[in-house]
């Protein structure tokens, strides 16, 4: 699965994007990871929102 993401980021113009991974706490107290590919200038906004 990671290979597909890396391959899609190798395309022309992809240097403007980055993969952000956020740790999210569930109702039952366990943590899960949520990842999304976002533009570089929007990474802080993505990580700041709940």
N, C-alpha and C. Protein backbone atom coordinates (compact mmCIF):
# COMPACT_ATOMS: atom_id res chain seq x y z
N UNK A 1 0.81 -1.18 0.00
CA UNK A 1 0.00 0.00 0.00
C UNK A 1 0.87 1.26 0.00
N UNK A 2 1.96 1.24 0.70
CA UNK A 2 2.84 2.40 0.74
C UNK A 2 3.49 2.63 -0.62
N UNK A 3 3.75 1.56 -1.36
CA UNK A 3 4.37 1.72 -2.67
C UNK A 3 3.48 2.51 -3.61
N UNK A 4 2.18 2.28 -3.54
CA UNK A 4 1.26 3.00 -4.41
C UNK A 4 1.28 4.50 -4.10
N UNK A 5 1.31 4.86 -2.82
CA UNK A 5 1.35 6.26 -2.44
C UNK A 5 2.65 6.91 -2.89
N UNK A 6 3.75 6.21 -2.71
CA UNK A 6 5.04 6.75 -3.12
C UNK A 6 5.09 6.92 -4.62
N UNK A 7 4.55 5.98 -5.36
CA UNK A 7 4.55 6.06 -6.81
C UNK A 7 3.70 7.23 -7.29
N UNK A 8 2.60 7.51 -6.63
CA UNK A 8 1.75 8.62 -7.06
C UNK A 8 2.39 9.96 -6.74
N UNK A 9 3.27 10.01 -5.73
CA UNK A 9 3.96 11.25 -5.40
C UNK A 9 5.16 11.52 -6.31
N UNK A 10 5.52 10.59 -7.18
CA UNK A 10 6.65 10.76 -8.07
C UNK A 10 6.28 11.49 -9.37
N UNK A 11 5.01 11.75 -9.59
CA UNK A 11 4.56 12.37 -10.82
C UNK A 11 4.95 13.84 -10.87
N UNK A 12 4.87 14.42 -12.05
CA UNK A 12 5.22 15.83 -12.25
C UNK A 12 4.29 16.72 -11.42
N UNK A 13 4.85 17.67 -10.72
CA UNK A 13 4.07 18.58 -9.90
C UNK A 13 3.75 18.05 -8.52
N UNK A 14 4.23 16.87 -8.21
CA UNK A 14 3.89 16.25 -6.93
C UNK A 14 4.74 16.78 -5.78
N UNK A 15 5.76 17.55 -6.07
CA UNK A 15 6.59 18.10 -5.01
C UNK A 15 5.83 19.13 -4.18
N UNK A 16 4.68 19.55 -4.65
CA UNK A 16 3.87 20.52 -3.91
C UNK A 16 2.99 19.82 -2.87
N UNK A 17 3.00 18.49 -2.83
CA UNK A 17 2.16 17.73 -1.91
C UNK A 17 3.02 16.94 -0.93
N UNK A 18 2.44 16.62 0.22
CA UNK A 18 3.11 15.79 1.20
C UNK A 18 2.08 14.91 1.90
N UNK A 19 2.54 13.81 2.45
CA UNK A 19 1.65 12.89 3.16
C UNK A 19 1.72 13.21 4.65
N UNK A 20 0.57 13.57 5.23
CA UNK A 20 0.49 13.90 6.65
C UNK A 20 -0.20 12.76 7.39
N UNK A 21 0.39 12.35 8.51
CA UNK A 21 -0.16 11.27 9.32
C UNK A 21 -0.49 11.85 10.69
N UNK A 22 -1.75 11.65 11.11
CA UNK A 22 -2.23 12.19 12.38
C UNK A 22 -2.69 11.05 13.27
N UNK A 23 -2.38 11.13 14.56
CA UNK A 23 -2.84 10.13 15.52
C UNK A 23 -4.15 10.62 16.13
N UNK A 24 -5.18 9.79 16.07
CA UNK A 24 -6.52 10.15 16.53
C UNK A 24 -6.94 9.19 17.64
N UNK A 25 -7.48 9.75 18.72
CA UNK A 25 -7.93 8.94 19.85
C UNK A 25 -9.41 8.60 19.66
N UNK A 26 -9.76 7.31 19.80
CA UNK A 26 -11.14 6.84 19.67
C UNK A 26 -11.90 7.02 20.98
N UNK A 27 -13.20 6.74 20.94
CA UNK A 27 -14.04 6.86 22.13
C UNK A 27 -13.60 5.90 23.23
N UNK A 28 -13.16 4.73 22.85
CA UNK A 28 -12.79 3.71 23.84
C UNK A 28 -11.36 3.87 24.36
N UNK A 29 -10.66 4.92 23.97
CA UNK A 29 -9.34 5.22 24.51
C UNK A 29 -8.17 4.74 23.68
N UNK A 30 -8.42 3.98 22.62
CA UNK A 30 -7.32 3.52 21.78
C UNK A 30 -7.01 4.56 20.70
N UNK A 31 -5.83 4.46 20.13
CA UNK A 31 -5.40 5.40 19.11
C UNK A 31 -5.38 4.73 17.74
N UNK A 32 -5.65 5.51 16.73
CA UNK A 32 -5.52 5.05 15.36
C UNK A 32 -4.83 6.15 14.56
N UNK A 33 -4.35 5.78 13.39
CA UNK A 33 -3.64 6.73 12.55
C UNK A 33 -4.47 7.07 11.34
N UNK A 34 -4.52 8.35 11.00
CA UNK A 34 -5.26 8.82 9.84
C UNK A 34 -4.27 9.54 8.94
N UNK A 35 -4.13 9.10 7.70
CA UNK A 35 -3.18 9.73 6.79
C UNK A 35 -3.91 10.32 5.60
N UNK A 36 -3.35 11.40 5.09
CA UNK A 36 -3.95 12.10 3.96
C UNK A 36 -2.85 12.82 3.20
N UNK A 37 -3.00 12.91 1.90
CA UNK A 37 -2.04 13.63 1.08
C UNK A 37 -2.61 15.04 0.89
N UNK A 38 -1.86 16.04 1.36
CA UNK A 38 -2.32 17.43 1.34
C UNK A 38 -1.23 18.32 0.74
N UNK A 39 -1.60 19.51 0.24
CA UNK A 39 -0.59 20.46 -0.24
C UNK A 39 0.33 20.88 0.91
N UNK A 40 1.57 21.19 0.60
CA UNK A 40 2.55 21.51 1.64
C UNK A 40 2.12 22.70 2.49
N UNK A 41 1.47 23.68 1.91
CA UNK A 41 1.08 24.85 2.69
C UNK A 41 -0.13 24.61 3.58
N UNK A 42 -0.82 23.49 3.43
CA UNK A 42 -2.01 23.18 4.24
C UNK A 42 -1.75 22.12 5.31
N UNK A 43 -0.51 21.68 5.50
CA UNK A 43 -0.19 20.62 6.44
C UNK A 43 -0.52 21.05 7.87
N UNK A 44 -0.12 22.24 8.26
CA UNK A 44 -0.39 22.71 9.62
C UNK A 44 -1.89 22.82 9.89
N UNK A 45 -2.66 23.24 8.90
CA UNK A 45 -4.12 23.32 9.05
C UNK A 45 -4.71 21.93 9.26
N UNK A 46 -4.22 20.95 8.51
CA UNK A 46 -4.72 19.57 8.63
C UNK A 46 -4.41 19.00 10.01
N UNK A 47 -3.21 19.24 10.51
CA UNK A 47 -2.82 18.69 11.80
C UNK A 47 -3.49 19.42 12.96
N UNK A 48 -3.86 20.68 12.77
CA UNK A 48 -4.48 21.46 13.84
C UNK A 48 -5.96 21.14 14.05
N UNK A 49 -6.67 20.78 12.98
CA UNK A 49 -8.10 20.51 13.14
C UNK A 49 -8.34 19.15 13.79
N UNK A 50 -9.45 19.04 14.52
CA UNK A 50 -9.76 17.80 15.23
C UNK A 50 -10.72 16.96 14.46
